[in-house]
Amino acid sequence: MREIRAVLFDSDGTLVDSEVPAMDVLHQMAVAEGLQFTREEAHRQFRGVRMSRIAAWIAERVPEAGDNFEQDFTQRYREASVRRFKEDLAPMPGALELLQRLHIPFGVVTNGPMEKVQLTLDLTGLLPYVGDRIYSAYDHSCFKPDPALFLIAARDLGTDPAHCAVVEDSVPGLLAGVAAGMRVFSLHPREGVPEAIADKLTYIGGLSDLIHHL
């Protein structure tokens, strides 16, 4: 087994318990626009997907969507999600303890915008441990499942990709980690994972399980 010398975490749903409230906000807003689908369907549809694609998907299904619908919807979503996060956002179970105990380099690699990630990490008390080691797809114009962002983070941390671990909860992130040639720990259950990568993942029940591997 290759030695793990650096860890690259996703943020939403991995370190920060923001995935569910964020998806709930999206579902509520989409229903308000006239879409008819369940909360569970919304979570499956949107989880780990970049916001521009979500807004475009919704716009295609809103008969009266104007030219600026996607931009307006995205802005309203950002504002609504920030309000929701400030109400009750929490770190994922075991996240704080894990970051406190890690003695190898680590960073956060996310499809989210930098402003959002910094806010959620700050609200949950994790930002002091992460510092400036945040790699946003918006800053580098490469979004998971493209592996490029993981490779950028590995280079910045001075670690060969083969000795990096990825911790992810969404399919796009899992695909990106495997494509980057890294060891991938999945918080996503095996059900729903593409067969092409299902046997290449290490499945964990929570962040506390990582200590045994690291």
N, C-alpha and C. Protein backbone atom coordinates (compact mmCIF):
# COMPACT_ATOMS: atom_id res chain seq x y z
N MET A 1 0.85 -1.20 0.00
CA MET A 1 0.00 0.00 0.00
C MET A 1 0.89 1.25 0.00
N ARG A 2 0.61 2.19 -0.89
CA ARG A 2 1.41 3.40 -0.98
C ARG A 2 1.23 4.27 0.27
N GLU A 3 2.34 4.84 0.72
CA GLU A 3 2.29 5.73 1.87
C GLU A 3 1.51 7.00 1.54
N ILE A 4 0.65 7.42 2.44
CA ILE A 4 -0.11 8.65 2.26
C ILE A 4 0.67 9.80 2.90
N ARG A 5 1.01 10.80 2.09
CA ARG A 5 1.82 11.91 2.56
C ARG A 5 1.07 13.24 2.55
N ALA A 6 -0.12 13.26 2.01
CA ALA A 6 -0.96 14.47 2.00
C ALA A 6 -2.41 14.05 1.81
N VAL A 7 -3.33 14.86 2.33
CA VAL A 7 -4.75 14.56 2.23
C VAL A 7 -5.48 15.75 1.62
N LEU A 8 -6.34 15.46 0.65
CA LEU A 8 -7.13 16.49 -0.02
C LEU A 8 -8.61 16.22 0.25
N PHE A 9 -9.22 17.14 0.97
CA PHE A 9 -10.61 16.99 1.36
C PHE A 9 -11.53 17.80 0.46
N ASP A 10 -12.69 17.24 0.16
CA ASP A 10 -13.79 18.05 -0.34
C ASP A 10 -14.31 18.86 0.85
N SER A 11 -15.14 19.86 0.59
CA SER A 11 -15.69 20.67 1.68
C SER A 11 -17.14 20.29 1.98
N ASP A 12 -18.05 20.65 1.09
CA ASP A 12 -19.48 20.42 1.32
C ASP A 12 -19.79 18.93 1.46
N GLY A 13 -20.34 18.55 2.59
CA GLY A 13 -20.71 17.17 2.80
C GLY A 13 -19.57 16.27 3.22
N THR A 14 -18.35 16.82 3.26
CA THR A 14 -17.19 16.05 3.67
C THR A 14 -16.62 16.59 4.97
N LEU A 15 -16.22 17.86 4.96
CA LEU A 15 -15.76 18.52 6.19
C LEU A 15 -16.87 19.32 6.85
N VAL A 16 -17.74 19.88 6.03
CA VAL A 16 -18.79 20.77 6.53
C VAL A 16 -20.15 20.19 6.19
N ASP A 17 -21.06 20.20 7.14
CA ASP A 17 -22.39 19.63 6.94
C ASP A 17 -23.30 20.62 6.21
N SER A 18 -22.83 21.06 5.04
CA SER A 18 -23.54 22.07 4.27
C SER A 18 -24.28 21.49 3.07
N GLU A 19 -24.00 20.24 2.73
CA GLU A 19 -24.59 19.66 1.53
C GLU A 19 -26.11 19.59 1.64
N VAL A 20 -26.61 19.10 2.76
CA VAL A 20 -28.06 18.94 2.92
C VAL A 20 -28.78 20.29 2.93
N PRO A 21 -28.37 21.27 3.77
CA PRO A 21 -29.08 22.55 3.73
C PRO A 21 -28.98 23.24 2.38
N ALA A 22 -27.83 23.14 1.72
CA ALA A 22 -27.67 23.77 0.41
C ALA A 22 -28.61 23.13 -0.62
N MET A 23 -28.70 21.80 -0.62
CA MET A 23 -29.58 21.12 -1.55
C MET A 23 -31.05 21.40 -1.23
N ASP A 24 -31.35 21.54 0.06
CA ASP A 24 -32.72 21.87 0.45
C ASP A 24 -33.12 23.25 -0.07
N VAL A 25 -32.19 24.22 0.02
CA VAL A 25 -32.46 25.56 -0.50
C VAL A 25 -32.70 25.49 -2.00
N LEU A 26 -31.88 24.74 -2.72
CA LEU A 26 -32.06 24.59 -4.16
C LEU A 26 -33.40 23.96 -4.50
N HIS A 27 -33.76 22.93 -3.76
CA HIS A 27 -35.04 22.26 -4.01
C HIS A 27 -36.20 23.22 -3.79
N GLN A 28 -36.18 23.96 -2.69
CA GLN A 28 -37.26 24.90 -2.39
C GLN A 28 -37.37 25.98 -3.47
N MET A 29 -36.24 26.48 -3.92
CA MET A 29 -36.26 27.52 -4.95
C MET A 29 -36.75 26.97 -6.29
N ALA A 30 -36.34 25.75 -6.62
CA ALA A 30 -36.77 25.15 -7.88
C ALA A 30 -38.26 24.89 -7.87
N VAL A 31 -38.78 24.40 -6.76
CA VAL A 31 -40.22 24.16 -6.64
C VAL A 31 -40.98 25.48 -6.75
N ALA A 32 -40.42 26.53 -6.17
CA ALA A 32 -41.06 27.85 -6.25
C ALA A 32 -41.13 28.35 -7.70
N GLU A 33 -40.23 27.85 -8.54
CA GLU A 33 -40.24 28.22 -9.96
C GLU A 33 -41.18 27.35 -10.78
N GLY A 34 -41.82 26.37 -10.13
CA GLY A 34 -42.79 25.54 -10.80
C GLY A 34 -42.35 24.13 -11.11
N LEU A 35 -41.10 23.76 -10.77
CA LEU A 35 -40.65 22.39 -11.02
C LEU A 35 -41.31 21.44 -10.03
N GLN A 36 -41.63 20.26 -10.48
CA GLN A 36 -42.28 19.28 -9.64
C GLN A 36 -41.38 18.05 -9.50
N PHE A 37 -40.63 18.01 -8.43
CA PHE A 37 -39.82 16.85 -8.10
C PHE A 37 -39.56 16.86 -6.60
N THR A 38 -39.21 15.69 -6.08
CA THR A 38 -39.11 15.54 -4.63
C THR A 38 -37.76 16.05 -4.12
N ARG A 39 -37.71 16.23 -2.82
CA ARG A 39 -36.46 16.63 -2.16
C ARG A 39 -35.36 15.60 -2.45
N GLU A 40 -35.70 14.32 -2.37
CA GLU A 40 -34.73 13.25 -2.60
C GLU A 40 -34.21 13.30 -4.04
N GLU A 41 -35.11 13.55 -4.99
CA GLU A 41 -34.70 13.65 -6.39
C GLU A 41 -33.77 14.84 -6.59
N ALA A 42 -34.05 15.94 -5.92
CA ALA A 42 -33.20 17.12 -6.02
C ALA A 42 -31.80 16.85 -5.50
N HIS A 43 -31.72 16.15 -4.38
CA HIS A 43 -30.41 15.82 -3.81
C HIS A 43 -29.61 14.94 -4.75
N ARG A 44 -30.27 13.96 -5.36
CA ARG A 44 -29.57 13.08 -6.31
C ARG A 44 -29.14 13.86 -7.55
N GLN A 45 -29.98 14.77 -8.01
CA GLN A 45 -29.73 15.52 -9.23
C GLN A 45 -28.60 16.55 -9.07
N PHE A 46 -28.54 17.20 -7.93
CA PHE A 46 -27.66 18.36 -7.77
C PHE A 46 -26.38 18.11 -7.00
N ARG A 47 -26.31 17.03 -6.26
CA ARG A 47 -25.17 16.81 -5.37
C ARG A 47 -23.84 16.76 -6.12
N GLY A 48 -22.94 17.65 -5.75
CA GLY A 48 -21.61 17.68 -6.35
C GLY A 48 -21.53 18.33 -7.71
N VAL A 49 -22.65 18.87 -8.21
CA VAL A 49 -22.70 19.47 -9.54
C VAL A 49 -22.44 20.98 -9.45
N ARG A 50 -21.68 21.52 -10.38
CA ARG A 50 -21.39 22.95 -10.36
C ARG A 50 -22.65 23.77 -10.56
N MET A 51 -22.68 24.93 -9.94
CA MET A 51 -23.90 25.74 -9.89
C MET A 51 -24.37 26.18 -11.27
N SER A 52 -23.46 26.46 -12.18
CA SER A 52 -23.87 26.91 -13.51
C SER A 52 -24.69 25.84 -14.22
N ARG A 53 -24.35 24.58 -14.03
CA ARG A 53 -25.09 23.49 -14.66
C ARG A 53 -26.45 23.31 -13.99
N ILE A 54 -26.49 23.51 -12.68
CA ILE A 54 -27.77 23.40 -11.97
C ILE A 54 -28.73 24.48 -12.45
N ALA A 55 -28.23 25.72 -12.51
CA ALA A 55 -29.06 26.85 -12.94
C ALA A 55 -29.55 26.64 -14.38
N ALA A 56 -28.67 26.11 -15.25
CA ALA A 56 -29.06 25.86 -16.63
C ALA A 56 -30.12 24.77 -16.71
N TRP A 57 -29.96 23.72 -15.90
CA TRP A 57 -30.92 22.62 -15.88
C TRP A 57 -32.29 23.12 -15.45
N ILE A 58 -32.34 23.97 -14.44
CA ILE A 58 -33.61 24.52 -13.97
C ILE A 58 -34.20 25.47 -15.00
N ALA A 59 -33.36 26.30 -15.61
CA ALA A 59 -33.83 27.26 -16.62
C ALA A 59 -34.51 26.55 -17.79
N GLU A 60 -33.98 25.39 -18.18
CA GLU A 60 -34.56 24.64 -19.29
C GLU A 60 -35.99 24.17 -18.98
N ARG A 61 -36.32 24.10 -17.70
CA ARG A 61 -37.62 23.57 -17.29
C ARG A 61 -38.57 24.64 -16.77
N VAL A 62 -38.14 25.88 -16.84
CA VAL A 62 -39.00 27.01 -16.45
C VAL A 62 -39.46 27.71 -17.73
N PRO A 63 -40.74 27.58 -18.07
CA PRO A 63 -41.23 28.12 -19.34
C PRO A 63 -40.98 29.61 -19.53
N GLU A 64 -41.07 30.37 -18.47
CA GLU A 64 -40.95 31.82 -18.58
C GLU A 64 -39.56 32.34 -18.24
N ALA A 65 -38.57 31.47 -18.22
CA ALA A 65 -37.21 31.90 -17.88
C ALA A 65 -36.69 32.89 -18.91
N GLY A 66 -36.26 34.05 -18.44
CA GLY A 66 -35.73 35.07 -19.35
C GLY A 66 -34.23 34.91 -19.55
N ASP A 67 -33.66 35.87 -20.25
CA ASP A 67 -32.23 35.80 -20.59
C ASP A 67 -31.34 35.81 -19.36
N ASN A 68 -31.77 36.49 -18.31
CA ASN A 68 -30.93 36.62 -17.12
C ASN A 68 -31.34 35.66 -16.00
N PHE A 69 -32.18 34.68 -16.33
CA PHE A 69 -32.70 33.79 -15.29
C PHE A 69 -31.59 33.08 -14.54
N GLU A 70 -30.64 32.49 -15.25
CA GLU A 70 -29.61 31.69 -14.60
C GLU A 70 -28.75 32.54 -13.65
N GLN A 71 -28.38 33.71 -14.09
CA GLN A 71 -27.58 34.60 -13.25
C GLN A 71 -28.37 35.06 -12.03
N ASP A 72 -29.63 35.41 -12.24
CA ASP A 72 -30.47 35.86 -11.14
C ASP A 72 -30.74 34.73 -10.15
N PHE A 73 -31.03 33.54 -10.68
CA PHE A 73 -31.31 32.39 -9.81
C PHE A 73 -30.08 32.06 -8.96
N THR A 74 -28.90 32.08 -9.59
CA THR A 74 -27.67 31.78 -8.87
C THR A 74 -27.43 32.79 -7.76
N GLN A 75 -27.64 34.06 -8.04
CA GLN A 75 -27.44 35.09 -7.02
C GLN A 75 -28.41 34.91 -5.86
N ARG A 76 -29.67 34.64 -6.18
CA ARG A 76 -30.66 34.44 -5.11
C ARG A 76 -30.34 33.20 -4.28
N TYR A 77 -29.85 32.17 -4.96
CA TYR A 77 -29.46 30.95 -4.24
C TYR A 77 -28.29 31.22 -3.30
N ARG A 78 -27.28 31.94 -3.77
CA ARG A 78 -26.13 32.25 -2.92
C ARG A 78 -26.57 33.01 -1.66
N GLU A 79 -27.43 33.98 -1.84
CA GLU A 79 -27.90 34.78 -0.70
C GLU A 79 -28.72 33.93 0.27
N ALA A 80 -29.60 33.08 -0.28
CA ALA A 80 -30.44 32.25 0.57
C ALA A 80 -29.62 31.20 1.31
N SER A 81 -28.63 30.63 0.66
CA SER A 81 -27.82 29.60 1.31
C SER A 81 -26.96 30.20 2.41
N VAL A 82 -26.46 31.41 2.22
CA VAL A 82 -25.68 32.07 3.27
C VAL A 82 -26.54 32.28 4.50
N ARG A 83 -27.77 32.73 4.28
CA ARG A 83 -28.69 32.92 5.42
C ARG A 83 -28.92 31.59 6.14
N ARG A 84 -29.10 30.52 5.39
CA ARG A 84 -29.34 29.21 5.97
C ARG A 84 -28.10 28.73 6.74
N PHE A 85 -26.92 28.92 6.16
CA PHE A 85 -25.70 28.48 6.82
C PHE A 85 -25.50 29.19 8.16
N LYS A 86 -25.81 30.46 8.21
CA LYS A 86 -25.60 31.24 9.43
C LYS A 86 -26.56 30.83 10.54
N GLU A 87 -27.61 30.11 10.19
CA GLU A 87 -28.58 29.66 11.19
C GLU A 87 -28.10 28.44 11.98
N ASP A 88 -27.58 27.43 11.27
CA ASP A 88 -27.32 26.18 11.99
C ASP A 88 -26.22 25.31 11.36
N LEU A 89 -25.26 25.90 10.72
CA LEU A 89 -24.22 25.10 10.06
C LEU A 89 -23.29 24.45 11.08
N ALA A 90 -22.89 23.23 10.82
CA ALA A 90 -22.01 22.50 11.73
C ALA A 90 -20.96 21.74 10.93
N PRO A 91 -19.82 21.43 11.56
CA PRO A 91 -18.84 20.57 10.89
C PRO A 91 -19.37 19.14 10.82
N MET A 92 -18.89 18.37 9.88
CA MET A 92 -19.26 16.96 9.83
C MET A 92 -18.70 16.26 11.07
N PRO A 93 -19.39 15.23 11.57
CA PRO A 93 -18.89 14.51 12.75
C PRO A 93 -17.44 14.05 12.56
N GLY A 94 -16.60 14.40 13.51
CA GLY A 94 -15.21 13.98 13.47
C GLY A 94 -14.28 14.89 12.71
N ALA A 95 -14.82 15.92 12.03
CA ALA A 95 -13.98 16.77 11.19
C ALA A 95 -12.97 17.55 12.02
N LEU A 96 -13.42 18.22 13.06
CA LEU A 96 -12.52 19.04 13.87
C LEU A 96 -11.43 18.19 14.51
N GLU A 97 -11.81 17.07 15.07
CA GLU A 97 -10.84 16.19 15.72
C GLU A 97 -9.81 15.67 14.72
N LEU A 98 -10.26 15.35 13.52
CA LEU A 98 -9.35 14.83 12.49
C LEU A 98 -8.32 15.88 12.09
N LEU A 99 -8.78 17.08 11.80
CA LEU A 99 -7.85 18.14 11.37
C LEU A 99 -6.87 18.49 12.49
N GLN A 100 -7.32 18.41 13.71
CA GLN A 100 -6.43 18.69 14.85
C GLN A 100 -5.34 17.64 14.98
N ARG A 101 -5.63 16.42 14.56
CA ARG A 101 -4.69 15.31 14.75
C ARG A 101 -3.79 15.07 13.56
N LEU A 102 -4.13 15.62 12.40
CA LEU A 102 -3.33 15.35 11.20
C LEU A 102 -1.94 15.97 11.31
N HIS A 103 -0.93 15.17 10.99
CA HIS A 103 0.44 15.66 11.03
C HIS A 103 1.11 15.59 9.66
N ILE A 104 0.30 15.47 8.63
CA ILE A 104 0.79 15.54 7.26
C ILE A 104 0.05 16.67 6.56
N PRO A 105 0.60 17.21 5.47
CA PRO A 105 -0.07 18.32 4.78
C PRO A 105 -1.47 17.94 4.32
N PHE A 106 -2.37 18.91 4.36
CA PHE A 106 -3.72 18.68 3.85
C PHE A 106 -4.29 19.99 3.33
N GLY A 107 -5.29 19.86 2.46
CA GLY A 107 -5.95 21.03 1.91
C GLY A 107 -7.38 20.70 1.54
N VAL A 108 -8.12 21.71 1.10
CA VAL A 108 -9.52 21.55 0.70
C VAL A 108 -9.62 21.82 -0.79
N VAL A 109 -10.20 20.89 -1.52
CA VAL A 109 -10.36 20.99 -2.98
C VAL A 109 -11.85 20.95 -3.27
N THR A 110 -12.38 22.02 -3.84
CA THR A 110 -13.83 22.15 -3.92
C THR A 110 -14.31 22.74 -5.24
N ASN A 111 -15.50 22.31 -5.64
CA ASN A 111 -16.16 22.92 -6.80
C ASN A 111 -16.87 24.22 -6.42
N GLY A 112 -16.89 24.55 -5.15
CA GLY A 112 -17.57 25.76 -4.69
C GLY A 112 -16.71 27.00 -4.84
N PRO A 113 -17.33 28.18 -4.85
CA PRO A 113 -16.57 29.43 -4.93
C PRO A 113 -15.83 29.69 -3.62
N MET A 114 -14.70 30.36 -3.71
CA MET A 114 -13.85 30.59 -2.55
C MET A 114 -14.59 31.28 -1.41
N GLU A 115 -15.39 32.28 -1.73
CA GLU A 115 -16.10 33.03 -0.70
C GLU A 115 -17.00 32.12 0.13
N LYS A 116 -17.70 31.21 -0.54
CA LYS A 116 -18.60 30.29 0.16
C LYS A 116 -17.82 29.33 1.03
N VAL A 117 -16.73 28.78 0.50
CA VAL A 117 -15.97 27.79 1.24
C VAL A 117 -15.33 28.41 2.48
N GLN A 118 -14.76 29.59 2.32
CA GLN A 118 -14.17 30.27 3.47
C GLN A 118 -15.23 30.56 4.54
N LEU A 119 -16.42 30.96 4.10
CA LEU A 119 -17.50 31.25 5.05
C LEU A 119 -17.90 30.00 5.82
N THR A 120 -18.12 28.89 5.12
CA THR A 120 -18.59 27.68 5.79
C THR A 120 -17.52 27.10 6.71
N LEU A 121 -16.26 27.16 6.29
CA LEU A 121 -15.19 26.68 7.16
C LEU A 121 -15.04 27.57 8.38
N ASP A 122 -15.24 28.86 8.20
CA ASP A 122 -15.15 29.80 9.32
C ASP A 122 -16.30 29.58 10.30
N LEU A 123 -17.52 29.44 9.78
CA LEU A 123 -18.68 29.25 10.65
C LEU A 123 -18.58 27.98 11.48
N THR A 124 -17.87 26.99 10.97
CA THR A 124 -17.77 25.70 11.67
C THR A 124 -16.47 25.57 12.47
N GLY A 125 -15.65 26.61 12.50
CA GLY A 125 -14.42 26.57 13.28
C GLY A 125 -13.27 25.82 12.66
N LEU A 126 -13.38 25.45 11.38
CA LEU A 126 -12.35 24.66 10.72
C LEU A 126 -11.32 25.51 9.97
N LEU A 127 -11.67 26.75 9.67
CA LEU A 127 -10.79 27.58 8.84
C LEU A 127 -9.40 27.76 9.42
N PRO A 128 -9.23 27.96 10.74
CA PRO A 128 -7.87 28.12 11.27
C PRO A 128 -6.95 26.93 10.99
N TYR A 129 -7.52 25.75 10.86
CA TYR A 129 -6.71 24.56 10.59
C TYR A 129 -6.38 24.42 9.11
N VAL A 130 -7.26 24.90 8.26
CA VAL A 130 -7.06 24.80 6.81
C VAL A 130 -6.19 25.94 6.30
N GLY A 131 -6.38 27.12 6.87
CA GLY A 131 -5.61 28.28 6.43
C GLY A 131 -5.90 28.64 4.99
N ASP A 132 -4.85 28.88 4.22
CA ASP A 132 -5.04 29.29 2.83
C ASP A 132 -4.92 28.11 1.86
N ARG A 133 -4.95 26.91 2.39
CA ARG A 133 -4.82 25.72 1.53
C ARG A 133 -6.19 25.30 1.01
N ILE A 134 -6.84 26.23 0.33
CA ILE A 134 -8.16 26.01 -0.27
C ILE A 134 -8.01 26.17 -1.77
N TYR A 135 -8.48 25.19 -2.52
CA TYR A 135 -8.36 25.19 -3.98
C TYR A 135 -9.76 25.14 -4.57
N SER A 136 -10.19 26.29 -5.10
CA SER A 136 -11.54 26.43 -5.64
C SER A 136 -11.53 26.26 -7.15
N ALA A 137 -12.46 25.47 -7.65
CA ALA A 137 -12.57 25.27 -9.09
C ALA A 137 -12.81 26.58 -9.83
N TYR A 138 -13.47 27.53 -9.18
CA TYR A 138 -13.75 28.81 -9.81
C TYR A 138 -12.47 29.61 -10.04
N ASP A 139 -11.49 29.43 -9.18
CA ASP A 139 -10.23 30.17 -9.31
C ASP A 139 -9.33 29.57 -10.37
N HIS A 140 -9.50 28.28 -10.65
CA HIS A 140 -8.60 27.59 -11.58
C HIS A 140 -9.30 27.13 -12.86
N SER A 141 -10.60 27.39 -12.96
CA SER A 141 -11.39 27.04 -14.16
C SER A 141 -11.30 25.55 -14.49
N CYS A 142 -11.30 24.72 -13.45
CA CYS A 142 -11.36 23.27 -13.68
C CYS A 142 -12.22 22.66 -12.59
N PHE A 143 -13.30 22.05 -13.00
CA PHE A 143 -14.31 21.54 -12.08
C PHE A 143 -14.30 20.00 -12.08
N LYS A 144 -14.41 19.42 -10.90
CA LYS A 144 -14.60 17.96 -10.82
C LYS A 144 -15.83 17.59 -11.65
N PRO A 145 -15.77 16.50 -12.40
CA PRO A 145 -14.85 15.36 -12.33
C PRO A 145 -13.52 15.52 -13.04
N ASP A 146 -13.20 16.69 -13.58
CA ASP A 146 -11.86 16.94 -14.10
C ASP A 146 -10.87 16.78 -12.94
N PRO A 147 -9.82 15.97 -13.10
CA PRO A 147 -8.87 15.76 -12.00
C PRO A 147 -7.87 16.90 -11.82
N ALA A 148 -7.90 17.90 -12.70
CA ALA A 148 -6.86 18.93 -12.71
C ALA A 148 -6.72 19.66 -11.37
N LEU A 149 -7.84 19.92 -10.69
CA LEU A 149 -7.78 20.68 -9.44
C LEU A 149 -7.05 19.88 -8.35
N PHE A 150 -7.25 18.58 -8.32
CA PHE A 150 -6.53 17.74 -7.37
C PHE A 150 -5.03 17.76 -7.67
N LEU A 151 -4.69 17.74 -8.94
CA LEU A 151 -3.28 17.75 -9.32
C LEU A 151 -2.62 19.08 -8.98
N ILE A 152 -3.37 20.17 -9.13
CA ILE A 152 -2.86 21.49 -8.75
C ILE A 152 -2.58 21.53 -7.25
N ALA A 153 -3.52 21.01 -6.46
CA ALA A 153 -3.36 21.00 -5.00
C ALA A 153 -2.18 20.14 -4.59
N ALA A 154 -2.02 18.98 -5.21
CA ALA A 154 -0.90 18.09 -4.87
C ALA A 154 0.43 18.77 -5.16
N ARG A 155 0.52 19.42 -6.29
CA ARG A 155 1.76 20.14 -6.64
C ARG A 155 2.04 21.25 -5.64
N ASP A 156 1.00 21.97 -5.26
CA ASP A 156 1.18 23.07 -4.32
C ASP A 156 1.63 22.56 -2.95
N LEU A 157 1.16 21.38 -2.57
CA LEU A 157 1.54 20.79 -1.29
C LEU A 157 2.86 20.02 -1.38
N GLY A 158 3.44 19.97 -2.57
CA GLY A 158 4.72 19.32 -2.75
C GLY A 158 4.67 17.81 -2.61
N THR A 159 3.56 17.21 -3.03
CA THR A 159 3.37 15.77 -2.86
C THR A 159 3.00 15.13 -4.19
N ASP A 160 3.64 14.01 -4.50
CA ASP A 160 3.30 13.27 -5.71
C ASP A 160 1.86 12.78 -5.61
N PRO A 161 1.08 12.87 -6.70
CA PRO A 161 -0.32 12.42 -6.66
C PRO A 161 -0.48 11.00 -6.14
N ALA A 162 0.47 10.14 -6.43
CA ALA A 162 0.38 8.74 -6.01
C ALA A 162 0.41 8.60 -4.49
N HIS A 163 0.91 9.63 -3.80
CA HIS A 163 0.99 9.59 -2.34
C HIS A 163 -0.03 10.52 -1.68
N CYS A 164 -1.04 10.93 -2.45
CA CYS A 164 -2.12 11.77 -1.93
C CYS A 164 -3.37 10.93 -1.69
N ALA A 165 -4.07 11.28 -0.63
CA ALA A 165 -5.39 10.69 -0.38
C ALA A 165 -6.45 11.74 -0.65
N VAL A 166 -7.54 11.31 -1.24
CA VAL A 166 -8.69 12.17 -1.50
C VAL A 166 -9.84 11.68 -0.63
N VAL A 167 -10.55 12.61 -0.01
CA VAL A 167 -11.73 12.27 0.79
C VAL A 167 -12.92 13.00 0.20
N GLU A 168 -13.90 12.25 -0.29
CA GLU A 168 -15.00 12.83 -1.05
C GLU A 168 -16.33 12.17 -0.69
N ASP A 169 -17.42 12.91 -0.94
CA ASP A 169 -18.75 12.36 -0.71
C ASP A 169 -19.61 12.37 -1.97
N SER A 170 -19.13 12.93 -3.07
CA SER A 170 -19.95 13.02 -4.28
C SER A 170 -19.29 12.28 -5.44
N VAL A 171 -20.09 11.83 -6.37
CA VAL A 171 -19.58 11.08 -7.51
C VAL A 171 -18.61 11.89 -8.35
N PRO A 172 -18.88 13.17 -8.69
CA PRO A 172 -17.89 13.93 -9.47
C PRO A 172 -16.53 13.98 -8.78
N GLY A 173 -16.52 14.15 -7.45
CA GLY A 173 -15.27 14.19 -6.72
C GLY A 173 -14.55 12.86 -6.71
N LEU A 174 -15.31 11.78 -6.56
CA LEU A 174 -14.73 10.44 -6.58
C LEU A 174 -14.10 10.15 -7.94
N LEU A 175 -14.79 10.51 -9.00
CA LEU A 175 -14.26 10.32 -10.35
C LEU A 175 -12.96 11.10 -10.54
N ALA A 176 -12.95 12.34 -10.05
CA ALA A 176 -11.77 13.19 -10.19
C ALA A 176 -10.58 12.62 -9.43
N GLY A 177 -10.82 12.14 -8.22
CA GLY A 177 -9.74 11.58 -7.42
C GLY A 177 -9.11 10.35 -8.05
N VAL A 178 -9.95 9.47 -8.57
CA VAL A 178 -9.45 8.26 -9.24
C VAL A 178 -8.66 8.65 -10.48
N ALA A 179 -9.20 9.59 -11.27
CA ALA A 179 -8.53 10.02 -12.49
C ALA A 179 -7.19 10.68 -12.19
N ALA A 180 -7.06 11.29 -11.01
CA ALA A 180 -5.80 11.93 -10.62
C ALA A 180 -4.76 10.93 -10.16
N GLY A 181 -5.15 9.66 -10.02
CA GLY A 181 -4.21 8.64 -9.60
C GLY A 181 -3.96 8.62 -8.11
N MET A 182 -4.92 9.11 -7.34
CA MET A 182 -4.79 9.20 -5.90
C MET A 182 -5.58 8.09 -5.22
N ARG A 183 -5.29 7.85 -3.94
CA ARG A 183 -6.08 6.91 -3.18
C ARG A 183 -7.34 7.63 -2.71
N VAL A 184 -8.48 7.07 -3.00
CA VAL A 184 -9.74 7.78 -2.78
C VAL A 184 -10.56 7.12 -1.69
N PHE A 185 -10.89 7.90 -0.66
CA PHE A 185 -11.77 7.45 0.41
C PHE A 185 -13.16 8.02 0.16
N SER A 186 -14.14 7.14 0.15
CA SER A 186 -15.50 7.54 -0.22
C SER A 186 -16.44 7.55 0.98
N LEU A 187 -17.02 8.72 1.23
CA LEU A 187 -18.12 8.84 2.19
C LEU A 187 -19.45 8.53 1.52
N HIS A 188 -19.43 8.41 0.21
CA HIS A 188 -20.60 8.03 -0.57
C HIS A 188 -20.73 6.51 -0.50
N PRO A 189 -21.92 5.98 -0.23
CA PRO A 189 -22.08 4.53 -0.22
C PRO A 189 -21.79 3.94 -1.60
N ARG A 190 -21.47 2.67 -1.63
CA ARG A 190 -21.15 2.03 -2.91
C ARG A 190 -22.33 2.13 -3.88
N GLU A 191 -23.54 2.04 -3.35
CA GLU A 191 -24.73 2.18 -4.21
C GLU A 191 -24.73 3.55 -4.86
N GLY A 192 -24.83 3.58 -6.17
CA GLY A 192 -24.85 4.83 -6.90
C GLY A 192 -23.50 5.26 -7.43
N VAL A 193 -22.44 4.56 -7.05
CA VAL A 193 -21.10 4.84 -7.57
C VAL A 193 -20.93 4.13 -8.91
N PRO A 194 -20.43 4.80 -9.95
CA PRO A 194 -20.23 4.14 -11.25
C PRO A 194 -19.37 2.88 -11.11
N GLU A 195 -19.77 1.84 -11.79
CA GLU A 195 -19.06 0.56 -11.69
C GLU A 195 -17.59 0.69 -12.10
N ALA A 196 -17.30 1.62 -12.99
CA ALA A 196 -15.93 1.78 -13.48
C ALA A 196 -14.95 2.13 -12.37
N ILE A 197 -15.44 2.75 -11.30
CA ILE A 197 -14.54 3.14 -10.21
C ILE A 197 -14.90 2.50 -8.88
N ALA A 198 -16.00 1.76 -8.82
CA ALA A 198 -16.51 1.25 -7.54
C ALA A 198 -15.48 0.43 -6.78
N ASP A 199 -14.69 -0.38 -7.48
CA ASP A 199 -13.71 -1.24 -6.82
C ASP A 199 -12.39 -0.53 -6.55
N LYS A 200 -12.29 0.73 -6.96
CA LYS A 200 -11.04 1.48 -6.77
C LYS A 200 -11.10 2.38 -5.54
N LEU A 201 -12.22 2.36 -4.83
CA LEU A 201 -12.43 3.25 -3.70
C LEU A 201 -12.29 2.50 -2.38
N THR A 202 -11.94 3.25 -1.34
CA THR A 202 -11.97 2.75 0.03
C THR A 202 -13.16 3.41 0.71
N TYR A 203 -14.15 2.62 1.09
CA TYR A 203 -15.38 3.17 1.65
C TYR A 203 -15.23 3.33 3.16
N ILE A 204 -15.63 4.51 3.66
CA ILE A 204 -15.56 4.78 5.09
C ILE A 204 -16.92 5.27 5.57
N GLY A 205 -17.22 4.97 6.82
CA GLY A 205 -18.51 5.37 7.37
C GLY A 205 -18.52 6.78 7.90
N GLY A 206 -17.34 7.35 8.12
CA GLY A 206 -17.24 8.71 8.65
C GLY A 206 -15.79 9.13 8.72
N LEU A 207 -15.56 10.39 9.04
CA LEU A 207 -14.21 10.91 9.06
C LEU A 207 -13.35 10.26 10.14
N SER A 208 -13.97 9.84 11.23
CA SER A 208 -13.20 9.22 12.30
C SER A 208 -12.52 7.93 11.83
N ASP A 209 -13.07 7.29 10.79
CA ASP A 209 -12.48 6.07 10.27
C ASP A 209 -11.14 6.31 9.59
N LEU A 210 -10.89 7.56 9.17
CA LEU A 210 -9.67 7.86 8.43
C LEU A 210 -8.42 7.69 9.26
N ILE A 211 -8.52 7.93 10.56
CA ILE A 211 -7.35 7.85 11.42
C ILE A 211 -6.67 6.49 11.30
N HIS A 212 -7.45 5.42 11.14
CA HIS A 212 -6.90 4.08 11.05
C HIS A 212 -6.11 3.90 9.76
N HIS A 213 -6.45 4.67 8.72
CA HIS A 213 -5.77 4.56 7.44
C HIS A 213 -4.57 5.49 7.35
N LEU A 214 -4.58 6.57 8.11
CA LEU A 214 -3.53 7.57 8.00
C LEU A 214 -2.44 7.38 9.07
